Structure formats: C-alpha cells, structure tokens
Amino acid sequence: MMRLPVFTWMTLITQIIVVTAFPVITVGLVFLMFDRFFGTTFYSVAAGGSLLLWQHLFWLFGHPEVYILILPAMGIVSEVLPTF
C-alpha cells in the first residue's frame, strides 16, 4: 500500500470523506423537506425548532467539502510537478 502514488491516496481519502460528509447534508435536506411539505418543526423557531440545527448540519457538510474539492487537485499536482 505504501508504494501507491500520492494521487491514489488522495482519491481514497476523498472518497472516505465523501462517504462521511454527504449523509449529513442529506439528513439536513430531508429535515428541510419535512418542514416544507409535511409541517414538521425541525427548523421553525416559533414552534420550538432550532435554526442552529441547520447551521450545524450544513457546517458538518461544508467543512469537509473543501477537502473533497482540493485533495484530488493536490494529488495531481504532487504527481505532475516532479515528473515535468
């Protein structure tokens, strides 16, 4: 495993992050859909919900999303620059 190229490692780590980050935003969006279509109160402050819940769920997705975007590019750069 240690002989694999850096790009392969970056792609593997990115996929692990995708598997852990996307369910969080999916739950947040399902809660939002339930609020809009079924009348639940996950995010309605007047009914006892919490807007902070959406902020936390979005942040738990948004922070790893930065690494999902940058890690493959860093792997490509680390393979191309030493070659050329």
PDB file of N, CA and C in Angstrom:
ATOM      1  N   MET A   1       0.820  -1.202   0.000  1.00  0.00           N
ATOM      2  CA  MET A   1       0.000   0.000   0.000  1.00  0.00           C
ATOM      3  C   MET A   1       0.861   1.263   0.000  1.00  0.00           C
ATOM      4  N   MET A   2       2.024   1.195   0.618  1.00  0.00           N
ATOM      5  CA  MET A   2       2.856   2.399   0.706  1.00  0.00           C
ATOM      6  C   MET A   2       3.535   2.726  -0.621  1.00  0.00           C
ATOM      7  N   ARG A   3       3.453   1.832  -1.596  1.00  0.00           N
ATOM      8  CA  ARG A   3       4.056   2.099  -2.896  1.00  0.00           C
ATOM      9  C   ARG A   3       3.069   2.741  -3.874  1.00  0.00           C
ATOM     10  N   LEU A   4       1.839   2.964  -3.436  1.00  0.00           N
ATOM     11  CA  LEU A   4       0.834   3.598  -4.291  1.00  0.00           C
ATOM     12  C   LEU A   4       1.191   5.064  -4.532  1.00  0.00           C
ATOM     13  N   PRO A   5       0.815   5.603  -5.668  1.00  0.00           N
ATOM     14  CA  PRO A   5       1.057   7.027  -5.934  1.00  0.00           C
ATOM     15  C   PRO A   5       0.236   7.908  -4.992  1.00  0.00           C
ATOM     16  N   VAL A   6       0.685   9.136  -4.824  1.00  0.00           N
ATOM     17  CA  VAL A   6       0.015  10.078  -3.932  1.00  0.00           C
ATOM     18  C   VAL A   6      -1.403  10.370  -4.427  1.00  0.00           C
ATOM     19  N   PHE A   7      -1.595  10.439  -5.733  1.00  0.00           N
ATOM     20  CA  PHE A   7      -2.928  10.698  -6.266  1.00  0.00           C
ATOM     21  C   PHE A   7      -3.908   9.605  -5.853  1.00  0.00           C
ATOM     22  N   THR A   8      -3.458   8.377  -5.841  1.00  0.00           N
ATOM     23  CA  THR A   8      -4.317   7.273  -5.418  1.00  0.00           C
ATOM     24  C   THR A   8      -4.707   7.421  -3.958  1.00  0.00           C
ATOM     25  N   TRP A   9      -3.766   7.803  -3.117  1.00  0.00           N
ATOM     26  CA  TRP A   9      -4.067   8.032  -1.704  1.00  0.00           C
ATOM     27  C   TRP A   9      -5.046   9.191  -1.542  1.00  0.00           C
ATOM     28  N   MET A  10      -4.838  10.261  -2.290  1.00  0.00           N
ATOM     29  CA  MET A  10      -5.731  11.408  -2.188  1.00  0.00           C
ATOM     30  C   MET A  10      -7.145  11.036  -2.631  1.00  0.00           C
ATOM     31  N   THR A  11      -7.249  10.233  -3.669  1.00  0.00           N
ATOM     32  CA  THR A  11      -8.563   9.805  -4.137  1.00  0.00           C
ATOM     33  C   THR A  11      -9.238   8.913  -3.099  1.00  0.00           C
ATOM     34  N   LEU A  12      -8.495   8.035  -2.475  1.00  0.00           N
ATOM     35  CA  LEU A  12      -9.044   7.169  -1.430  1.00  0.00           C
ATOM     36  C   LEU A  12      -9.543   7.988  -0.240  1.00  0.00           C
ATOM     37  N   ILE A  13      -8.744   8.917   0.217  1.00  0.00           N
ATOM     38  CA  ILE A  13      -9.133   9.761   1.349  1.00  0.00           C
ATOM     39  C   ILE A  13     -10.351  10.612   0.980  1.00  0.00           C
ATOM     40  N   THR A  14     -10.382  11.116  -0.240  1.00  0.00           N
ATOM     41  CA  THR A  14     -11.526  11.916  -0.690  1.00  0.00           C
ATOM     42  C   THR A  14     -12.806  11.084  -0.658  1.00  0.00           C
ATOM     43  N   GLN A  15     -12.730   9.851  -1.091  1.00  0.00           N
ATOM     44  CA  GLN A  15     -13.927   9.008  -1.087  1.00  0.00           C
ATOM     45  C   GLN A  15     -14.390   8.688   0.336  1.00  0.00           C
ATOM     46  N   ILE A  16     -13.467   8.533   1.244  1.00  0.00           N
ATOM     47  CA  ILE A  16     -13.838   8.325   2.648  1.00  0.00           C
ATOM     48  C   ILE A  16     -14.532   9.565   3.201  1.00  0.00           C
ATOM     49  N   ILE A  17     -14.018  10.729   2.872  1.00  0.00           N
ATOM     50  CA  ILE A  17     -14.638  11.969   3.327  1.00  0.00           C
ATOM     51  C   ILE A  17     -16.020  12.138   2.700  1.00  0.00           C
ATOM     52  N   VAL A  18     -16.179  11.782   1.428  1.00  0.00           N
ATOM     53  CA  VAL A  18     -17.481  11.872   0.761  1.00  0.00           C
ATOM     54  C   VAL A  18     -18.495  10.973   1.464  1.00  0.00           C
ATOM     55  N   VAL A  19     -18.077   9.766   1.793  1.00  0.00           N
ATOM     56  CA  VAL A  19     -18.983   8.820   2.450  1.00  0.00           C
ATOM     57  C   VAL A  19     -19.405   9.319   3.830  1.00  0.00           C
ATOM     58  N   THR A  20     -18.560  10.078   4.502  1.00  0.00           N
ATOM     59  CA  THR A  20     -18.930  10.585   5.825  1.00  0.00           C
ATOM     60  C   THR A  20     -19.617  11.947   5.781  1.00  0.00           C
ATOM     61  N   ALA A  21     -19.392  12.760   4.750  1.00  0.00           N
ATOM     62  CA  ALA A  21     -19.947  14.116   4.719  1.00  0.00           C
ATOM     63  C   ALA A  21     -21.319  14.185   4.068  1.00  0.00           C
ATOM     64  N   PHE A  22     -21.565  13.431   3.032  1.00  0.00           N
ATOM     65  CA  PHE A  22     -22.820  13.555   2.308  1.00  0.00           C
ATOM     66  C   PHE A  22     -24.043  13.080   3.088  1.00  0.00           C
ATOM     67  N   PRO A  23     -23.963  12.072   3.936  1.00  0.00           N
ATOM     68  CA  PRO A  23     -25.153  11.737   4.730  1.00  0.00           C
ATOM     69  C   PRO A  23     -25.605  12.871   5.645  1.00  0.00           C
ATOM     70  N   VAL A  24     -24.695  13.686   6.120  1.00  0.00           N
ATOM     71  CA  VAL A  24     -25.062  14.796   7.000  1.00  0.00           C
ATOM     72  C   VAL A  24     -25.907  15.814   6.247  1.00  0.00           C
ATOM     73  N   ILE A  25     -25.503  16.210   5.053  1.00  0.00           N
ATOM     74  CA  ILE A  25     -26.293  17.178   4.289  1.00  0.00           C
ATOM     75  C   ILE A  25     -27.593  16.542   3.812  1.00  0.00           C
ATOM     76  N   THR A  26     -27.586  15.241   3.574  1.00  0.00           N
ATOM     77  CA  THR A  26     -28.815  14.552   3.191  1.00  0.00           C
ATOM     78  C   THR A  26     -29.834  14.617   4.316  1.00  0.00           C
ATOM     79  N   VAL A  27     -29.396  14.389   5.547  1.00  0.00           N
ATOM     80  CA  VAL A  27     -30.301  14.479   6.701  1.00  0.00           C
ATOM     81  C   VAL A  27     -30.837  15.904   6.840  1.00  0.00           C
ATOM     82  N   GLY A  28     -29.961  16.894   6.698  1.00  0.00           N
ATOM     83  CA  GLY A  28     -30.398  18.281   6.789  1.00  0.00           C
ATOM     84  C   GLY A  28     -31.431  18.627   5.732  1.00  0.00           C
ATOM     85  N   LEU A  29     -31.231  18.156   4.513  1.00  0.00           N
ATOM     86  CA  LEU A  29     -32.176  18.448   3.437  1.00  0.00           C
ATOM     87  C   LEU A  29     -33.477  17.672   3.611  1.00  0.00           C
ATOM     88  N   VAL A  30     -33.415  16.466   4.146  1.00  0.00           N
ATOM     89  CA  VAL A  30     -34.642  15.709   4.432  1.00  0.00           C
ATOM     90  C   VAL A  30     -35.442  16.419   5.522  1.00  0.00           C
ATOM     91  N   PHE A  31     -34.766  16.921   6.557  1.00  0.00           N
ATOM     92  CA  PHE A  31     -35.459  17.699   7.590  1.00  0.00           C
ATOM     93  C   PHE A  31     -36.131  18.928   6.974  1.00  0.00           C
ATOM     94  N   LEU A  32     -35.418  19.603   6.076  1.00  0.00           N
ATOM     95  CA  LEU A  32     -35.979  20.782   5.413  1.00  0.00           C
ATOM     96  C   LEU A  32     -37.192  20.414   4.562  1.00  0.00           C
ATOM     97  N   MET A  33     -37.107  19.293   3.860  1.00  0.00           N
ATOM     98  CA  MET A  33     -38.243  18.827   3.061  1.00  0.00           C
ATOM     99  C   MET A  33     -39.432  18.506   3.961  1.00  0.00           C
ATOM    100  N   PHE A  34     -39.179  17.846   5.094  1.00  0.00           N
ATOM    101  CA  PHE A  34     -40.270  17.541   6.024  1.00  0.00           C
ATOM    102  C   PHE A  34     -40.901  18.812   6.562  1.00  0.00           C
ATOM    103  N   ASP A  35     -40.078  19.829   6.832  1.00  0.00           N
ATOM    104  CA  ASP A  35     -40.621  21.102   7.306  1.00  0.00           C
ATOM    105  C   ASP A  35     -41.523  21.751   6.263  1.00  0.00           C
ATOM    106  N   ARG A  36     -41.119  21.703   5.019  1.00  0.00           N
ATOM    107  CA  ARG A  36     -41.876  22.400   3.973  1.00  0.00           C
ATOM    108  C   ARG A  36     -43.112  21.628   3.526  1.00  0.00           C
ATOM    109  N   PHE A  37     -43.000  20.314   3.394  1.00  0.00           N
ATOM    110  CA  PHE A  37     -44.098  19.545   2.808  1.00  0.00           C
ATOM    111  C   PHE A  37     -45.002  18.856   3.833  1.00  0.00           C
ATOM    112  N   PHE A  38     -44.463  18.511   4.991  1.00  0.00           N
ATOM    113  CA  PHE A  38     -45.238  17.718   5.946  1.00  0.00           C
ATOM    114  C   PHE A  38     -45.552  18.450   7.244  1.00  0.00           C
ATOM    115  N   GLY A  39     -45.099  19.696   7.365  1.00  0.00           N
ATOM    116  CA  GLY A  39     -45.466  20.507   8.511  1.00  0.00           C
ATOM    117  C   GLY A  39     -44.723  20.195   9.803  1.00  0.00           C
ATOM    118  N   THR A  40     -43.583  19.544   9.724  1.00  0.00           N
ATOM    119  CA  THR A  40     -42.795  19.329  10.941  1.00  0.00           C
ATOM    120  C   THR A  40     -42.119  20.630  11.351  1.00  0.00           C
ATOM    121  N   THR A  41     -41.477  20.642  12.494  1.00  0.00           N
ATOM    122  CA  THR A  41     -40.907  21.892  13.017  1.00  0.00           C
ATOM    123  C   THR A  41     -39.448  21.720  13.426  1.00  0.00           C
ATOM    124  N   PHE A  42     -38.657  21.123  12.550  1.00  0.00           N
ATOM    125  CA  PHE A  42     -37.236  20.976  12.860  1.00  0.00           C
ATOM    126  C   PHE A  42     -36.531  22.324  12.912  1.00  0.00           C
ATOM    127  N   TYR A  43     -36.877  23.215  11.989  1.00  0.00           N
ATOM    128  CA  TYR A  43     -36.183  24.493  11.884  1.00  0.00           C
ATOM    129  C   TYR A  43     -37.046  25.699  12.239  1.00  0.00           C
ATOM    130  N   SER A  44     -38.290  25.498  12.608  1.00  0.00           N
ATOM    131  CA  SER A  44     -39.198  26.597  12.934  1.00  0.00           C
ATOM    132  C   SER A  44     -39.013  27.027  14.385  1.00  0.00           C
ATOM    133  N   VAL A  45     -38.437  28.194  14.583  1.00  0.00           N
ATOM    134  CA  VAL A  45     -38.156  28.702  15.933  1.00  0.00           C
ATOM    135  C   VAL A  45     -39.453  28.946  16.697  1.00  0.00           C
ATOM    136  N   ALA A  46     -40.467  29.430  16.003  1.00  0.00           N
ATOM    137  CA  ALA A  46     -41.749  29.726  16.657  1.00  0.00           C
ATOM    138  C   ALA A  46     -42.404  28.465  17.221  1.00  0.00           C
ATOM    139  N   ALA A  47     -42.139  27.321  16.620  1.00  0.00           N
ATOM    140  CA  ALA A  47     -42.753  26.076  17.067  1.00  0.00           C
ATOM    141  C   ALA A  47     -41.806  25.240  17.928  1.00  0.00           C
ATOM    142  N   GLY A  48     -40.673  25.793  18.322  1.00  0.00           N
ATOM    143  CA  GLY A  48     -39.740  25.070  19.176  1.00  0.00           C
ATOM    144  C   GLY A  48     -38.569  24.423  18.467  1.00  0.00           C
ATOM    145  N   GLY A  49     -38.454  24.662  17.167  1.00  0.00           N
ATOM    146  CA  GLY A  49     -37.324  24.123  16.415  1.00  0.00           C
ATOM    147  C   GLY A  49     -36.086  24.988  16.579  1.00  0.00           C
ATOM    148  N   SER A  50     -35.036  24.645  15.862  1.00  0.00           N
ATOM    149  CA  SER A  50     -33.780  25.366  16.006  1.00  0.00           C
ATOM    150  C   SER A  50     -33.155  25.642  14.645  1.00  0.00           C
ATOM    151  N   LEU A  51     -32.948  26.922  14.365  1.00  0.00           N
ATOM    152  CA  LEU A  51     -32.214  27.282  13.148  1.00  0.00           C
ATOM    153  C   LEU A  51     -30.750  26.879  13.259  1.00  0.00           C
ATOM    154  N   LEU A  52     -30.257  26.816  14.455  1.00  0.00           N
ATOM    155  CA  LEU A  52     -28.867  26.428  14.677  1.00  0.00           C
ATOM    156  C   LEU A  52     -28.613  24.984  14.229  1.00  0.00           C
ATOM    157  N   LEU A  53     -29.652  24.160  14.268  1.00  0.00           N
ATOM    158  CA  LEU A  53     -29.518  22.782  13.784  1.00  0.00           C
ATOM    159  C   LEU A  53     -29.112  22.770  12.311  1.00  0.00           C
ATOM    160  N   TRP A  54     -29.773  23.615  11.488  1.00  0.00           N
ATOM    161  CA  TRP A  54     -29.411  23.696  10.069  1.00  0.00           C
ATOM    162  C   TRP A  54     -27.976  24.188   9.907  1.00  0.00           C
ATOM    163  N   GLN A  55     -27.587  25.174  10.674  1.00  0.00           N
ATOM    164  CA  GLN A  55     -26.227  25.696  10.568  1.00  0.00           C
ATOM    165  C   GLN A  55     -25.203  24.625  10.917  1.00  0.00           C
ATOM    166  N   HIS A  56     -25.466  23.869  11.950  1.00  0.00           N
ATOM    167  CA  HIS A  56     -24.522  22.812  12.337  1.00  0.00           C
ATOM    168  C   HIS A  56     -24.466  21.707  11.289  1.00  0.00           C
ATOM    169  N   LEU A  57     -25.630  21.283  10.792  1.00  0.00           N
ATOM    170  CA  LEU A  57     -25.630  20.233   9.773  1.00  0.00           C
ATOM    171  C   LEU A  57     -24.947  20.699   8.496  1.00  0.00           C
ATOM    172  N   PHE A  58     -25.190  21.954   8.103  1.00  0.00           N
ATOM    173  CA  PHE A  58     -24.546  22.458   6.897  1.00  0.00           C
ATOM    174  C   PHE A  58     -23.045  22.595   7.107  1.00  0.00           C
ATOM    175  N   TRP A  59     -22.616  23.023   8.296  1.00  0.00           N
ATOM    176  CA  TRP A  59     -21.186  23.159   8.558  1.00  0.00           C
ATOM    177  C   TRP A  59     -20.506  21.788   8.565  1.00  0.00           C
ATOM    178  N   LEU A  60     -21.181  20.774   9.112  1.00  0.00           N
ATOM    179  CA  LEU A  60     -20.603  19.434   9.113  1.00  0.00           C
ATOM    180  C   LEU A  60     -20.421  18.885   7.705  1.00  0.00           C
ATOM    181  N   PHE A  61     -21.207  19.391   6.761  1.00  0.00           N
ATOM    182  CA  PHE A  61     -21.001  19.033   5.362  1.00  0.00           C
ATOM    183  C   PHE A  61     -20.013  19.980   4.685  1.00  0.00           C
ATOM    184  N   GLY A  62     -20.158  21.268   4.944  1.00  0.00           N
ATOM    185  CA  GLY A  62     -19.395  22.282   4.219  1.00  0.00           C
ATOM    186  C   GLY A  62     -17.909  22.262   4.500  1.00  0.00           C
ATOM    187  N   HIS A  63     -17.532  21.970   5.729  1.00  0.00           N
ATOM    188  CA  HIS A  63     -16.101  21.951   6.045  1.00  0.00           C
ATOM    189  C   HIS A  63     -15.381  20.809   5.327  1.00  0.00           C
ATOM    190  N   PRO A  64     -15.873  19.569   5.369  1.00  0.00           N
ATOM    191  CA  PRO A  64     -15.194  18.515   4.601  1.00  0.00           C
ATOM    192  C   PRO A  64     -15.282  18.721   3.088  1.00  0.00           C
ATOM    193  N   GLU A  65     -16.298  19.444   2.621  1.00  0.00           N
ATOM    194  CA  GLU A  65     -16.441  19.677   1.182  1.00  0.00           C
ATOM    195  C   GLU A  65     -15.222  20.390   0.607  1.00  0.00           C
ATOM    196  N   VAL A  66     -14.609  21.258   1.384  1.00  0.00           N
ATOM    197  CA  VAL A  66     -13.403  21.948   0.941  1.00  0.00           C
ATOM    198  C   VAL A  66     -12.302  20.930   0.643  1.00  0.00           C
ATOM    199  N   TYR A  67     -12.159  19.945   1.502  1.00  0.00           N
ATOM    200  CA  TYR A  67     -11.132  18.924   1.291  1.00  0.00           C
ATOM    201  C   TYR A  67     -11.510  17.969   0.170  1.00  0.00           C
ATOM    202  N   ILE A  68     -12.807  17.742  -0.020  1.00  0.00           N
ATOM    203  CA  ILE A  68     -13.252  16.908  -1.127  1.00  0.00           C
ATOM    204  C   ILE A  68     -12.833  17.546  -2.454  1.00  0.00           C
ATOM    205  N   LEU A  69     -12.865  18.859  -2.515  1.00  0.00           N
ATOM    206  CA  LEU A  69     -12.503  19.555  -3.749  1.00  0.00           C
ATOM    207  C   LEU A  69     -10.995  19.697  -3.935  1.00  0.00           C
ATOM    208  N   ILE A  70     -10.249  19.900  -2.865  1.00  0.00           N
ATOM    209  CA  ILE A  70      -8.830  20.241  -3.008  1.00  0.00           C
ATOM    210  C   ILE A  70      -7.904  19.016  -3.001  1.00  0.00           C
ATOM    211  N   LEU A  71      -8.252  17.949  -2.300  1.00  0.00           N
ATOM    212  CA  LEU A  71      -7.327  16.811  -2.195  1.00  0.00           C
ATOM    213  C   LEU A  71      -6.989  16.159  -3.537  1.00  0.00           C
ATOM    214  N   PRO A  72      -7.950  15.894  -4.423  1.00  0.00           N
ATOM    215  CA  PRO A  72      -7.544  15.327  -5.725  1.00  0.00           C
ATOM    216  C   PRO A  72      -6.625  16.261  -6.516  1.00  0.00           C
ATOM    217  N   ALA A  73      -6.896  17.556  -6.453  1.00  0.00           N
ATOM    218  CA  ALA A  73      -6.027  18.505  -7.155  1.00  0.00           C
ATOM    219  C   ALA A  73      -4.616  18.486  -6.578  1.00  0.00           C
ATOM    220  N   MET A  74      -4.508  18.400  -5.258  1.00  0.00           N
ATOM    221  CA  MET A  74      -3.185  18.320  -4.637  1.00  0.00           C
ATOM    222  C   MET A  74      -2.471  17.034  -5.031  1.00  0.00           C
ATOM    223  N   GLY A  75      -3.214  15.941  -5.162  1.00  0.00           N
ATOM    224  CA  GLY A  75      -2.611  14.685  -5.609  1.00  0.00           C
ATOM    225  C   GLY A  75      -2.109  14.766  -7.029  1.00  0.00           C
ATOM    226  N   ILE A  76      -2.879  15.410  -7.901  1.00  0.00           N
ATOM    227  CA  ILE A  76      -2.448  15.572  -9.298  1.00  0.00           C
ATOM    228  C   ILE A  76      -1.201  16.428  -9.365  1.00  0.00           C
ATOM    229  N   VAL A  77      -1.189  17.531  -8.630  1.00  0.00           N
ATOM    230  CA  VAL A  77      -0.017  18.416  -8.637  1.00  0.00           C
ATOM    231  C   VAL A  77       1.211  17.696  -8.106  1.00  0.00           C
ATOM    232  N   SER A  78       1.035  16.891  -7.061  1.00  0.00           N
ATOM    233  CA  SER A  78       2.195  16.195  -6.490  1.00  0.00           C
ATOM    234  C   SER A  78       2.724  15.091  -7.399  1.00  0.00           C
ATOM    235  N   GLU A  79       1.934  14.660  -8.362  1.00  0.00           N
ATOM    236  CA  GLU A  79       2.404  13.666  -9.324  1.00  0.00           C
ATOM    237  C   GLU A  79       2.987  14.327 -10.580  1.00  0.00           C
ATOM    238  N   VAL A  80       2.404  15.457 -10.993  1.00  0.00           N
ATOM    239  CA  VAL A  80       2.816  16.080 -12.247  1.00  0.00           C
ATOM    240  C   VAL A  80       4.090  16.902 -12.079  1.00  0.00           C
ATOM    241  N   LEU A  81       4.167  17.707 -11.023  1.00  0.00           N
ATOM    242  CA  LEU A  81       5.328  18.575 -10.842  1.00  0.00           C
ATOM    243  C   LEU A  81       6.667  17.821 -10.764  1.00  0.00           C
ATOM    244  N   PRO A  82       6.788  16.746 -10.002  1.00  0.00           N
ATOM    245  CA  PRO A  82       8.081  16.044 -10.001  1.00  0.00           C
ATOM    246  C   PRO A  82       8.414  15.393 -11.350  1.00  0.00           C
ATOM    247  N   THR A  83       7.402  15.037 -12.139  1.00  0.00           N
ATOM    248  CA  THR A  83       7.648  14.384 -13.424  1.00  0.00           C
ATOM    249  C   THR A  83       8.135  15.371 -14.473  1.00  0.00           C
ATOM    250  N   PHE A  84       7.546  16.578 -14.481  1.00  0.00           N
ATOM    251  CA  PHE A  84       7.902  17.543 -15.507  1.00  0.00           C
ATOM    252  C   PHE A  84       8.656  18.686 -14.908  1.00  0.00           C
TER     253      PHE A  84
END
